[in-house]
Amino acid sequence: MKILSILTAALAALILCSCSNDEYRIHGRVSSNELEGARIFLVPVGHEEKENVDSVLIHNHEFEFKGRKHWMCTVRLIAHERHKGQDLLVATEPGDIYVTIGPNSTGGGTPQNDSLQVWKDMTIYFNEHFGQLYNAGMIDEAKAERAAYVKRTQEIALGLGKDSMAGEFLLNMYPLPADEKKETE
């Protein structure tokens, strides 16, 4: 009887653990004191219908989202507060995701979100550098810079996997040429 109780408890613990393995937890902070009590949203990209959007109030510079639906989302402030914090793209993959919403929002903590932050930083650099080259009349150099950026974005996506949320998202923005698609399949 005692063995049966131990086995039942172990099975229950295993079930509980396996159920929570697919949960994401977004631990958020905001950098502005002005955002205390403001509403912040988790909005699925391409699924912006009201029933899919989650929101919480910011308290003590913090907020948290939890769930089990996995998709690409933006963490964003309510419309009249958006000038106080940049939207942030996140993949709601299982695990602990850490975000800071501010003038230059950041995220990470899980493989896809770490990669999205690398891509975001690369994108900011590219946008600044491309604009400088283009405005200086260095059109060929600007085009080469863009081609390198697109290739690096595709490499990040393939590194994550075409079936991952972030990989699929990036490849939808910057599709592989037809001959490269065949090689990766």
Protein backbone atom coordinates (compact mmCIF):
# COMPACT_ATOMS: atom_id res chain seq x y z
CA MET A 1 0.00 0.00 0.00
CA LYS A 2 2.86 2.37 0.87
CA ILE A 3 4.54 1.68 -2.50
CA LEU A 4 1.26 2.42 -4.29
CA SER A 5 1.00 5.78 -2.47
CA ILE A 6 4.59 6.65 -3.41
CA LEU A 7 3.99 5.67 -7.04
CA THR A 8 0.76 7.68 -7.15
CA ALA A 9 2.52 10.74 -5.71
CA ALA A 10 5.42 10.34 -8.16
CA LEU A 11 3.01 10.00 -11.10
CA ALA A 12 1.09 13.09 -9.98
CA ALA A 13 4.34 15.06 -9.68
CA LEU A 14 5.41 13.89 -13.13
CA ILE A 15 2.08 14.94 -14.65
CA LEU A 16 2.30 18.36 -13.00
CA CYS A 17 5.85 18.87 -14.22
CA SER A 18 5.05 17.80 -17.77
CA CYS A 19 2.04 20.12 -17.88
CA SER A 20 4.05 23.17 -16.86
CA ASN A 21 6.91 22.49 -19.31
CA ASP A 22 5.10 24.26 -22.13
CA GLU A 23 4.36 27.42 -20.10
CA TYR A 24 6.05 30.69 -20.92
CA ARG A 25 6.58 33.36 -18.28
CA ILE A 26 7.43 36.89 -19.32
CA HIS A 27 9.04 38.79 -16.45
CA GLY A 28 8.93 42.43 -17.41
CA ARG A 29 10.31 45.71 -16.18
CA VAL A 30 9.78 49.26 -17.36
CA SER A 31 12.40 51.96 -17.17
CA SER A 32 10.05 54.93 -16.75
CA ASN A 33 8.59 55.98 -13.41
CA GLU A 34 5.73 57.53 -15.39
CA LEU A 35 4.42 54.07 -16.30
CA GLU A 36 3.33 53.06 -12.80
CA GLY A 37 -0.26 51.79 -13.10
CA ALA A 38 -0.21 51.87 -16.92
CA ARG A 39 -1.59 48.96 -18.90
CA ILE A 40 0.79 46.87 -20.98
CA PHE A 41 -0.26 44.37 -23.63
CA LEU A 42 0.94 41.08 -25.09
CA VAL A 43 -0.35 41.08 -28.67
CA PRO A 44 0.07 38.03 -30.95
CA VAL A 45 1.42 39.03 -34.36
CA GLY A 46 -1.21 38.17 -36.97
CA HIS A 47 -3.75 37.20 -34.29
CA GLU A 48 -4.62 40.64 -32.89
CA GLU A 49 -8.23 39.74 -32.17
CA LYS A 50 -9.37 40.92 -28.74
CA GLU A 51 -9.72 37.39 -27.35
CA ASN A 52 -6.02 36.68 -28.07
CA VAL A 53 -4.62 39.85 -26.46
CA ASP A 54 -3.46 39.73 -22.84
CA SER A 55 -2.90 42.78 -20.67
CA VAL A 56 -1.76 43.59 -17.15
CA LEU A 57 -1.08 46.68 -15.08
CA ILE A 58 2.46 47.77 -14.34
CA HIS A 59 3.19 47.78 -10.60
CA ASN A 60 6.51 48.74 -8.97
CA HIS A 61 8.08 48.96 -12.46
CA GLU A 62 7.18 45.30 -13.11
CA PHE A 63 4.66 43.18 -14.97
CA GLU A 64 4.26 39.51 -15.81
CA PHE A 65 2.54 37.43 -18.46
CA LYS A 66 2.08 33.64 -18.35
CA GLY A 67 0.52 31.28 -20.81
CA ARG A 68 0.74 28.21 -22.98
CA LYS A 69 -0.09 29.55 -26.45
CA HIS A 70 3.12 29.82 -28.44
CA TRP A 71 3.37 32.48 -31.10
CA MET A 72 5.21 35.65 -32.01
CA CYS A 73 3.96 38.62 -30.00
CA THR A 74 4.71 42.23 -29.34
CA VAL A 75 4.87 43.59 -25.82
CA ARG A 76 3.49 47.12 -26.09
CA LEU A 77 2.16 49.91 -23.98
CA ILE A 78 -1.33 51.32 -24.27
CA ALA A 79 -1.53 53.71 -27.24
CA HIS A 80 -1.29 57.01 -25.33
CA GLU A 81 1.81 55.77 -23.43
CA ARG A 82 3.75 54.31 -26.39
CA HIS A 83 6.13 57.25 -26.57
CA LYS A 84 7.50 56.09 -23.18
CA GLY A 85 8.57 52.63 -24.33
CA GLN A 86 9.49 50.85 -27.55
CA ASP A 87 7.41 47.83 -28.60
CA LEU A 88 9.30 44.56 -28.27
CA LEU A 89 8.97 41.43 -30.39
CA VAL A 90 8.98 38.21 -28.33
CA ALA A 91 8.45 34.51 -28.99
CA THR A 92 6.23 33.01 -26.28
CA GLU A 93 8.23 29.81 -26.11
CA PRO A 94 8.37 27.70 -22.93
CA GLY A 95 10.57 29.11 -20.20
CA ASP A 96 11.40 32.36 -18.48
CA ILE A 97 11.59 35.38 -20.76
CA TYR A 98 12.99 38.63 -19.38
CA VAL A 99 12.07 41.95 -20.99
CA THR A 100 12.70 45.59 -20.25
CA ILE A 101 10.44 48.14 -21.89
CA GLY A 102 11.97 51.56 -22.35
CA PRO A 103 13.45 53.82 -25.04
CA ASN A 104 15.41 50.80 -26.33
CA SER A 105 13.45 47.74 -25.19
CA THR A 106 15.33 44.47 -24.73
CA GLY A 107 14.46 40.83 -24.23
CA GLY A 108 16.01 37.41 -23.74
CA GLY A 109 16.20 34.38 -21.50
CA THR A 110 15.13 31.69 -23.97
CA PRO A 111 16.87 30.60 -27.20
CA GLN A 112 14.47 32.28 -29.60
CA ASN A 113 14.27 35.50 -27.58
CA ASP A 114 18.06 35.66 -27.19
CA SER A 115 18.33 35.35 -30.98
CA LEU A 116 15.62 37.96 -31.54
CA GLN A 117 17.61 40.40 -29.39
CA VAL A 118 20.75 39.73 -31.46
CA TRP A 119 18.69 40.31 -34.61
CA LYS A 120 17.17 43.50 -33.17
CA ASP A 121 20.61 44.90 -32.27
CA MET A 122 21.87 43.96 -35.73
CA THR A 123 18.84 45.64 -37.31
CA ILE A 124 19.41 48.88 -35.39
CA TYR A 125 23.06 48.92 -36.49
CA PHE A 126 22.09 48.11 -40.09
CA ASN A 127 19.47 50.87 -40.26
CA GLU A 128 21.93 53.48 -38.98
CA HIS A 129 24.84 52.30 -41.15
CA PHE A 130 22.72 51.82 -44.29
CA GLY A 131 21.28 55.33 -43.94
CA GLN A 132 24.76 56.85 -43.54
CA LEU A 133 26.06 55.07 -46.62
CA TYR A 134 23.00 55.92 -48.69
CA ASN A 135 22.98 59.58 -47.65
CA ALA A 136 26.70 59.82 -48.46
CA GLY A 137 25.92 58.67 -52.02
CA MET A 138 27.60 55.30 -51.49
CA ILE A 139 24.74 53.39 -53.08
CA ASP A 140 26.69 50.25 -54.04
CA GLU A 141 28.10 49.98 -50.51
CA ALA A 142 24.61 50.48 -49.05
CA LYS A 143 23.24 47.70 -51.28
CA ALA A 144 26.08 45.39 -50.22
CA GLU A 145 25.35 46.22 -46.57
CA ARG A 146 21.67 45.34 -47.09
CA ALA A 147 22.55 42.05 -48.80
CA ALA A 148 24.83 41.12 -45.87
CA TYR A 149 22.08 42.05 -43.39
CA VAL A 150 19.50 39.91 -45.20
CA LYS A 151 21.92 36.96 -45.36
CA ARG A 152 22.72 37.27 -41.64
CA THR A 153 18.98 37.45 -40.82
CA GLN A 154 18.40 34.27 -42.83
CA GLU A 155 21.31 32.57 -41.03
CA ILE A 156 19.81 33.49 -37.66
CA ALA A 157 16.44 32.10 -38.81
CA LEU A 158 17.96 28.86 -40.07
CA GLY A 159 19.98 28.52 -36.87
CA LEU A 160 16.74 28.66 -34.90
CA GLY A 161 15.06 26.29 -37.33
CA LYS A 162 12.52 27.03 -40.04
CA ASP A 163 9.82 25.47 -37.86
CA SER A 164 10.54 27.68 -34.84
CA MET A 165 8.31 30.72 -34.32
CA ALA A 166 11.16 33.21 -34.67
CA GLY A 167 12.79 31.33 -37.55
CA GLU A 168 9.55 31.23 -39.50
CA PHE A 169 8.86 34.90 -38.72
CA LEU A 170 12.28 36.03 -39.96
CA LEU A 171 12.13 33.86 -43.08
CA ASN A 172 8.71 35.30 -43.91
CA MET A 173 10.29 38.76 -43.84
CA TYR A 174 13.43 37.70 -45.73
CA PRO A 175 12.65 34.53 -47.71
CA LEU A 176 15.43 32.29 -48.92
CA PRO A 177 16.08 32.23 -52.66
CA ALA A 178 14.45 29.19 -54.31
CA ASP A 179 17.75 27.32 -54.75
CA GLU A 180 18.71 27.81 -51.06
CA LYS A 181 15.25 26.65 -49.92
CA LYS A 182 15.79 23.30 -51.63
CA GLU A 183 19.21 22.84 -49.99
CA THR A 184 17.79 23.37 -46.47
CA GLU A 185 14.83 21.04 -46.90
